[in-house]
Amino acid sequence: MDSPEVTFTLAYLVFAVCFVFTPNEFYSAGLTVQNLLSGWLGSEDAAFVPYHLRRTSATLLCHSLLPLGYYMGMCFAASEKQLYSPGQASEAWQLFLLLAVSLPLASCTLIYYWSWDKWTRHPLAQTLALYALPQSGWQAVASSINMEFRRIDKFATGAPGARVIVTDTWVMKVTTYRVHVAQQQDVHLTVTESRQHDLSPDSNLPVQLLTIRVASSSPAMQPFDIRLNSAEYGELCEKLHAPIRSAAHVVIHQSLGDLFLETFASLVEVNPTYSVPSNQELEACIGCMQTRASVKLVKTCQEPAVGECQQCYCRPMWCLTCMGKWFASRQDPQRPDTWLASRVPCPTCRARFCILDVCCIR
């Protein structure tokens, strides 16, 4: 393949992936379906349901046009292949063109089917119809959602491609191609999974992400999962009318301190271990007096005479949890992004140490 062809292929592949799975940079530059077609889509705040009826349809159509856009670009990037004349192109490119044309045609057909009879056949409209009273239609349910979404007391979080919205009556998840809707009085929420990340890409802080299964008592409603930061879990519970159940293996850390202790312990576990001399007996932790001392401060981050950290000669007197609490207590509450890289004095001899110097006892 010629260099222009390779360059265009790689560049278009990156563009297509970013256009479908939109990163923050594309949102900042306005390269999204919502921004490019904002004049036709209207305002989400003014009419939530009509906005997403149009947005999901427009997103499907725009994404289906990406293969055709690649073919048209290759007509210029690889002009020697004569792609502008499909009859002279190779069979492989003819099949690709057929696929590239079929996708938007199929999308247009599906969108036309959805929009028939004022969007009654759209998946979102059909979901809302399940909650409509016998004497009314899905439009009445849509009006209720539109009104509640305009209120400032709603709970909203998540990335644009996986937003979670909770109003007084509804639990909703907005994805790229679909909007999941469930009525609060009919749902059961269960925390099914929690994932701990040592660093968040947005804030350089430890973060715990919770996965909550939203299941309706109605068999016609398909369950869906929502994901959110554990720090927002309390705010979510305040907005919900029913309690959230948790799986037996899930531990929720709602405060930054809890998250830091979890991260502190996971980082210490990968540090070198410390072997206690055979003639030394471990005593109870002087911090909690509940468990035996389990960590020892040994300078391992750098050479003994290099850096700000110092060698601690104290015998093991602290458990891992209490040492983590001591480390957290010496931090600036206004600068949590510096906690993991900071240095604090030993609680006994005041020798400065960092997380890399905390060694578990074996």
Protein backbone atom coordinates (compact mmCIF):
# COMPACT_ATOMS: atom_id res chain seq x y z
CA MET A 1 0.00 0.00 0.00
CA ASP A 2 1.20 3.54 -0.75
CA SER A 3 2.05 5.90 2.06
CA PRO A 4 -0.93 8.29 1.49
CA GLU A 5 -3.28 5.32 1.63
CA VAL A 6 -1.78 4.03 4.86
CA THR A 7 -1.76 7.49 6.41
CA PHE A 8 -5.38 8.16 5.51
CA THR A 9 -6.49 4.73 6.74
CA LEU A 10 -4.85 5.17 10.14
CA ALA A 11 -6.07 8.75 10.49
CA TYR A 12 -9.64 7.84 9.54
CA LEU A 13 -9.62 4.84 11.87
CA VAL A 14 -8.61 7.06 14.79
CA PHE A 15 -11.26 9.62 13.83
CA ALA A 16 -13.99 6.97 13.52
CA VAL A 17 -13.18 5.39 16.89
CA CYS A 18 -13.11 8.80 18.58
CA PHE A 19 -16.32 9.88 16.86
CA VAL A 20 -18.16 6.77 18.10
CA PHE A 21 -16.51 6.49 21.53
CA THR A 22 -16.16 10.22 22.06
CA PRO A 23 -13.23 11.29 24.30
CA ASN A 24 -13.18 14.57 26.20
CA GLU A 25 -11.07 16.20 23.50
CA PHE A 26 -13.77 15.64 20.88
CA TYR A 27 -16.42 17.02 23.23
CA SER A 28 -14.31 20.12 23.82
CA ALA A 29 -13.86 20.59 20.07
CA GLY A 30 -17.58 20.09 19.43
CA LEU A 31 -17.08 17.01 17.24
CA THR A 32 -20.18 15.20 18.45
CA VAL A 33 -23.52 14.39 16.89
CA GLN A 34 -25.26 16.47 19.57
CA ASN A 35 -23.22 19.57 18.74
CA LEU A 36 -23.09 19.19 14.95
CA LEU A 37 -26.88 18.71 14.75
CA SER A 38 -27.85 20.91 17.69
CA GLY A 39 -30.12 23.06 15.54
CA TRP A 40 -32.28 20.07 14.57
CA LEU A 41 -32.09 18.19 17.85
CA GLY A 42 -33.26 21.10 19.96
CA SER A 43 -32.72 21.46 23.70
CA GLU A 44 -32.53 18.50 26.06
CA ASP A 45 -33.66 20.67 28.98
CA ALA A 46 -36.73 21.91 27.14
CA ALA A 47 -37.93 18.51 25.89
CA PHE A 48 -35.96 15.54 27.17
CA VAL A 49 -37.84 12.71 25.42
CA PRO A 50 -38.24 14.36 21.96
CA TYR A 51 -34.58 15.34 22.10
CA HIS A 52 -33.42 11.77 22.64
CA LEU A 53 -35.85 10.37 20.08
CA ARG A 54 -34.06 12.49 17.51
CA ARG A 55 -30.58 12.11 19.01
CA THR A 56 -30.55 8.30 18.99
CA SER A 57 -31.82 8.27 15.41
CA ALA A 58 -29.31 10.87 14.24
CA THR A 59 -26.45 9.07 16.00
CA LEU A 60 -27.32 5.78 14.33
CA LEU A 61 -27.42 7.43 10.91
CA CYS A 62 -24.16 9.38 11.38
CA HIS A 63 -22.26 6.33 12.60
CA SER A 64 -23.58 4.23 9.70
CA LEU A 65 -22.12 6.78 7.26
CA LEU A 66 -18.55 6.29 8.52
CA PRO A 67 -17.68 3.37 6.15
CA LEU A 68 -19.01 5.36 3.18
CA GLY A 69 -16.92 8.34 4.28
CA TYR A 70 -13.84 6.12 4.32
CA TYR A 71 -14.53 4.90 0.79
CA MET A 72 -15.00 8.45 -0.48
CA GLY A 73 -11.76 9.51 1.17
CA MET A 74 -9.89 6.58 -0.36
CA CYS A 75 -11.02 7.78 -3.79
CA PHE A 76 -8.57 10.66 -3.31
CA ALA A 77 -5.96 8.95 -1.11
CA ALA A 78 -5.61 5.99 -3.50
CA SER A 79 -6.63 7.43 -6.86
CA GLU A 80 -4.72 4.74 -8.75
CA LYS A 81 -7.27 2.16 -7.55
CA GLN A 82 -9.98 3.97 -9.55
CA LEU A 83 -12.44 3.71 -6.66
CA TYR A 84 -14.40 6.65 -8.05
CA SER A 85 -15.48 4.23 -10.78
CA PRO A 86 -16.85 1.22 -8.89
CA GLY A 87 -17.04 -0.88 -12.07
CA GLN A 88 -13.24 -0.68 -12.45
CA ALA A 89 -12.44 -1.28 -8.77
CA SER A 90 -11.45 -4.68 -7.40
CA GLU A 91 -14.08 -7.09 -6.09
CA ALA A 92 -13.02 -6.45 -2.49
CA TRP A 93 -13.62 -2.72 -2.85
CA GLN A 94 -16.92 -3.34 -4.65
CA LEU A 95 -18.10 -5.48 -1.72
CA PHE A 96 -16.94 -2.79 0.72
CA LEU A 97 -18.84 -0.14 -1.23
CA LEU A 98 -21.95 -2.32 -1.17
CA LEU A 99 -21.66 -2.63 2.59
CA ALA A 100 -20.92 1.09 2.99
CA VAL A 101 -24.06 2.00 1.04
CA SER A 102 -26.24 -0.66 2.68
CA LEU A 103 -25.57 0.51 6.23
CA PRO A 104 -27.00 4.05 5.86
CA LEU A 105 -29.88 2.71 3.75
CA ALA A 106 -30.75 0.23 6.49
CA SER A 107 -30.41 2.98 9.09
CA CYS A 108 -32.71 5.29 7.15
CA THR A 109 -35.26 2.51 6.80
CA LEU A 110 -35.16 1.79 10.53
CA ILE A 111 -35.39 5.47 11.45
CA TYR A 112 -38.35 5.91 9.09
CA TYR A 113 -40.02 2.95 10.79
CA TRP A 114 -39.36 4.47 14.23
CA SER A 115 -40.72 7.90 13.24
CA TRP A 116 -43.94 6.49 11.77
CA ASP A 117 -47.03 7.75 13.61
CA LYS A 118 -45.13 10.41 15.60
CA TRP A 119 -42.30 8.14 16.83
CA THR A 120 -44.68 5.58 18.33
CA ARG A 121 -42.48 2.67 17.19
CA HIS A 122 -39.24 4.04 18.60
CA PRO A 123 -37.81 1.80 21.39
CA LEU A 124 -37.97 4.70 23.87
CA ALA A 125 -41.63 5.40 23.03
CA GLN A 126 -42.47 1.71 23.36
CA THR A 127 -40.80 1.61 26.77
CA LEU A 128 -42.78 4.63 27.94
CA ALA A 129 -45.99 3.07 26.63
CA LEU A 130 -45.57 0.28 29.22
CA TYR A 131 -46.04 2.88 31.97
CA ALA A 132 -48.94 4.72 30.33
CA LEU A 133 -52.42 4.56 31.82
CA PRO A 134 -55.15 2.88 29.74
CA GLN A 135 -56.82 6.19 28.90
CA SER A 136 -53.56 7.91 27.90
CA GLY A 137 -50.56 7.20 25.67
CA TRP A 138 -46.80 7.30 25.90
CA GLN A 139 -46.85 11.04 25.22
CA ALA A 140 -48.33 11.63 28.69
CA VAL A 141 -45.46 9.70 30.27
CA ALA A 142 -43.00 11.66 28.14
CA SER A 143 -44.50 14.94 29.37
CA SER A 144 -44.01 13.79 32.97
CA ILE A 145 -40.36 12.96 32.31
CA ASN A 146 -39.80 16.26 30.50
CA MET A 147 -41.20 18.19 33.45
CA GLU A 148 -39.18 16.32 36.08
CA PHE A 149 -35.95 16.59 34.07
CA ARG A 150 -36.24 20.38 34.06
CA ARG A 151 -36.11 20.45 37.86
CA ILE A 152 -32.80 21.38 39.43
CA ASP A 153 -33.03 18.77 42.19
CA LYS A 154 -32.54 15.76 39.87
CA PHE A 155 -29.53 13.48 40.29
CA ALA A 156 -27.34 13.36 37.19
CA THR A 157 -23.86 11.91 36.75
CA GLY A 158 -21.66 9.98 34.36
CA ALA A 159 -20.03 10.49 30.99
CA PRO A 160 -22.19 11.69 28.07
CA GLY A 161 -22.21 8.17 26.61
CA ALA A 162 -23.42 6.55 29.84
CA ARG A 163 -25.28 9.17 31.86
CA VAL A 164 -27.34 8.27 34.91
CA ILE A 165 -30.35 10.47 35.68
CA VAL A 166 -32.70 10.02 38.64
CA THR A 167 -35.74 12.22 39.11
CA ASP A 168 -38.54 12.01 41.67
CA THR A 169 -40.28 9.26 39.67
CA TRP A 170 -37.82 7.87 37.12
CA VAL A 171 -34.45 6.14 36.91
CA MET A 172 -32.85 6.62 33.48
CA LYS A 173 -29.63 5.67 31.74
CA VAL A 174 -28.70 7.54 28.57
CA THR A 175 -26.36 5.67 26.21
CA THR A 176 -25.20 6.29 22.66
CA TYR A 177 -28.05 4.50 20.91
CA ARG A 178 -30.64 4.01 23.62
CA VAL A 179 -32.34 5.50 26.67
CA HIS A 180 -33.25 3.06 29.46
CA VAL A 181 -36.18 4.16 31.62
CA ALA A 182 -37.62 2.61 34.77
CA GLN A 183 -40.17 3.87 37.26
CA GLN A 184 -38.86 4.16 40.79
CA GLN A 185 -41.80 2.44 42.46
CA ASP A 186 -41.35 -0.66 40.26
CA VAL A 187 -37.58 -1.20 40.46
CA HIS A 188 -35.20 -3.15 42.66
CA LEU A 189 -31.64 -1.85 42.78
CA THR A 190 -28.69 -4.04 43.70
CA VAL A 191 -25.00 -3.19 43.89
CA THR A 192 -23.49 -6.12 42.00
CA GLU A 193 -19.86 -5.06 41.61
CA SER A 194 -17.29 -2.57 42.84
CA ARG A 195 -13.98 -1.79 41.20
CA GLN A 196 -11.14 0.03 42.91
CA HIS A 197 -8.84 2.21 40.80
CA ASP A 198 -5.73 3.68 42.39
CA LEU A 199 -5.85 6.76 40.16
CA SER A 200 -8.73 8.46 38.42
CA PRO A 201 -7.83 9.93 34.99
CA ASP A 202 -9.82 13.07 35.81
CA SER A 203 -8.47 13.93 39.26
CA ASN A 204 -5.42 11.69 39.94
CA LEU A 205 -7.20 10.39 43.02
CA PRO A 206 -8.23 6.88 44.05
CA VAL A 207 -11.75 6.08 42.92
CA GLN A 208 -14.21 3.24 43.45
CA LEU A 209 -16.75 2.57 40.69
CA LEU A 210 -19.99 0.82 41.57
CA THR A 211 -22.15 -1.20 39.21
CA ILE A 212 -25.85 -1.15 40.16
CA ARG A 213 -28.39 -3.45 38.51
CA VAL A 214 -31.78 -1.78 37.94
CA ALA A 215 -34.44 -4.48 37.60
CA SER A 216 -38.16 -3.87 37.24
CA SER A 217 -40.89 -5.96 38.78
CA SER A 218 -42.53 -6.01 35.35
CA PRO A 219 -41.27 -8.88 33.15
CA ALA A 220 -41.69 -6.69 30.07
CA MET A 221 -38.93 -4.34 31.27
CA GLN A 222 -35.37 -5.40 30.60
CA PRO A 223 -32.93 -4.80 33.48
CA PHE A 224 -29.98 -2.49 32.92
CA ASP A 225 -26.80 -1.55 34.76
CA ILE A 226 -25.69 1.89 35.86
CA ARG A 227 -22.18 2.86 36.98
CA LEU A 228 -21.19 5.68 39.30
CA ASN A 229 -18.48 6.84 41.66
CA SER A 230 -18.92 5.58 45.22
CA ALA A 231 -18.57 9.18 46.41
CA GLU A 232 -21.93 9.87 44.71
CA TYR A 233 -23.61 6.83 46.24
CA GLY A 234 -25.03 8.76 49.20
CA GLU A 235 -26.56 11.43 46.96
CA LEU A 236 -28.14 8.71 44.82
CA CYS A 237 -29.66 7.02 47.87
CA GLU A 238 -31.21 10.32 48.97
CA LYS A 239 -32.97 10.66 45.61
CA LEU A 240 -34.29 7.09 45.54
CA HIS A 241 -37.44 6.05 47.38
CA ALA A 242 -36.40 2.41 47.82
CA PRO A 243 -33.21 1.10 49.47
CA ILE A 244 -30.32 -0.27 47.43
CA ARG A 245 -29.29 -3.82 48.22
CA SER A 246 -25.65 -4.86 48.08
CA ALA A 247 -24.15 -8.19 47.13
CA ALA A 248 -22.33 -9.97 49.96
CA HIS A 249 -18.88 -9.42 48.45
CA VAL A 250 -19.30 -5.69 47.74
CA VAL A 251 -17.79 -3.11 50.12
CA ILE A 252 -18.72 0.51 49.40
CA HIS A 253 -16.29 3.30 50.30
CA GLN A 254 -18.23 6.55 50.35
CA SER A 255 -15.50 8.84 51.73
CA LEU A 256 -12.13 9.86 50.35
CA GLY A 257 -10.48 8.52 53.50
CA ASP A 258 -11.91 5.05 52.93
CA LEU A 259 -10.71 5.09 49.34
CA PHE A 260 -7.25 6.20 50.39
CA LEU A 261 -6.92 3.43 52.99
CA GLU A 262 -7.91 0.86 50.37
CA THR A 263 -5.36 2.26 47.93
CA PHE A 264 -2.69 2.56 50.65
CA ALA A 265 -3.09 -1.11 51.54
CA SER A 266 -2.96 -2.27 47.89
CA LEU A 267 0.25 -0.30 47.27
CA VAL A 268 1.94 -1.55 50.43
CA GLU A 269 1.20 -5.16 49.51
CA VAL A 270 3.48 -4.93 46.46
CA ASN A 271 6.36 -3.44 48.46
CA PRO A 272 9.23 -5.65 49.67
CA THR A 273 8.41 -7.56 52.85
CA TYR A 274 10.28 -7.41 56.16
CA SER A 275 11.42 -10.54 58.00
CA VAL A 276 11.21 -10.29 61.77
CA PRO A 277 14.23 -11.70 63.67
CA SER A 278 13.48 -15.01 65.36
CA ASN A 279 14.18 -13.58 68.82
CA GLN A 280 11.74 -10.66 68.37
CA GLU A 281 8.10 -11.09 69.35
CA LEU A 282 5.43 -8.96 67.73
CA GLU A 283 3.32 -6.91 70.12
CA ALA A 284 -0.17 -5.49 69.73
CA CYS A 285 -0.55 -2.43 67.51
CA ILE A 286 -0.21 0.64 69.72
CA GLY A 287 -2.76 2.46 67.54
CA CYS A 288 -5.77 0.19 67.96
CA MET A 289 -4.56 -2.46 70.47
CA GLN A 290 -6.78 -4.91 68.55
CA THR A 291 -4.36 -6.67 66.20
CA ARG A 292 -0.66 -7.40 66.14
CA ALA A 293 1.80 -5.05 64.49
CA SER A 294 2.03 -5.95 60.81
CA VAL A 295 4.24 -3.31 59.13
CA LYS A 296 7.78 -1.99 59.50
CA LEU A 297 9.24 1.21 58.05
CA VAL A 298 12.26 0.34 55.92
CA LYS A 299 13.70 2.81 53.42
CA THR A 300 13.34 1.07 50.05
CA CYS A 301 12.37 3.97 47.78
CA GLN A 302 15.99 5.08 47.25
CA GLU A 303 19.52 4.46 48.46
CA PRO A 304 20.05 5.09 52.20
CA ALA A 305 21.74 8.49 51.77
CA VAL A 306 19.63 9.72 48.84
CA GLY A 307 16.36 11.64 48.89
CA GLU A 308 14.15 13.08 51.61
CA CYS A 309 13.12 9.77 53.17
CA GLN A 310 15.04 8.58 56.23
CA GLN A 311 15.73 5.20 57.75
CA CYS A 312 13.45 4.34 60.67
CA TYR A 313 14.98 2.17 63.44
CA CYS A 314 11.78 1.63 65.42
CA ARG A 315 10.63 -1.92 66.00
CA PRO A 316 7.30 -2.95 64.41
CA MET A 317 4.55 -1.30 66.46
CA TRP A 318 1.73 -0.53 64.01
CA CYS A 319 -0.77 -2.48 61.95
CA LEU A 320 -1.34 -1.67 58.29
CA THR A 321 -4.70 0.05 58.86
CA CYS A 322 -3.45 2.31 61.65
CA MET A 323 -0.34 3.23 59.67
CA GLY A 324 -2.59 4.14 56.74
CA LYS A 325 -4.77 6.29 59.01
CA TRP A 326 -1.67 8.02 60.38
CA PHE A 327 -0.41 8.66 56.85
CA ALA A 328 -3.78 10.12 55.83
CA SER A 329 -4.02 12.29 58.95
CA ARG A 330 -0.81 14.11 58.01
CA GLN A 331 -2.10 15.17 54.58
CA ASP A 332 -3.56 18.46 53.38
CA PRO A 333 -7.34 17.92 53.03
CA GLN A 334 -7.42 20.54 50.28
CA ARG A 335 -4.79 18.73 48.18
CA PRO A 336 -5.84 15.08 47.97
CA ASP A 337 -4.05 14.73 44.64
CA THR A 338 -0.70 14.91 46.51
CA TRP A 339 -1.43 12.27 49.15
CA LEU A 340 0.05 9.23 47.44
CA ALA A 341 3.34 10.97 46.60
CA SER A 342 3.82 12.74 49.94
CA ARG A 343 6.15 11.98 52.84
CA VAL A 344 5.19 11.97 56.53
CA PRO A 345 7.13 11.51 59.78
CA CYS A 346 7.19 8.20 61.62
CA PRO A 347 4.63 8.40 64.44
CA THR A 348 7.35 7.38 66.94
CA CYS A 349 10.79 8.63 65.86
CA ARG A 350 9.72 11.26 63.29
CA ALA A 351 11.89 9.85 60.51
CA ARG A 352 10.27 10.82 57.21
CA PHE A 353 8.97 8.05 54.96
CA CYS A 354 6.78 7.51 51.89
CA ILE A 355 4.38 4.71 50.91
CA LEU A 356 7.22 2.79 49.25
CA ASP A 357 8.93 2.49 52.64
CA VAL A 358 6.05 0.70 54.36
CA CYS A 359 6.82 -3.04 54.38
CA CYS A 360 4.51 -5.82 55.49
CA ILE A 361 5.90 -8.26 58.03
CA ARG A 362 6.22 -11.89 57.15
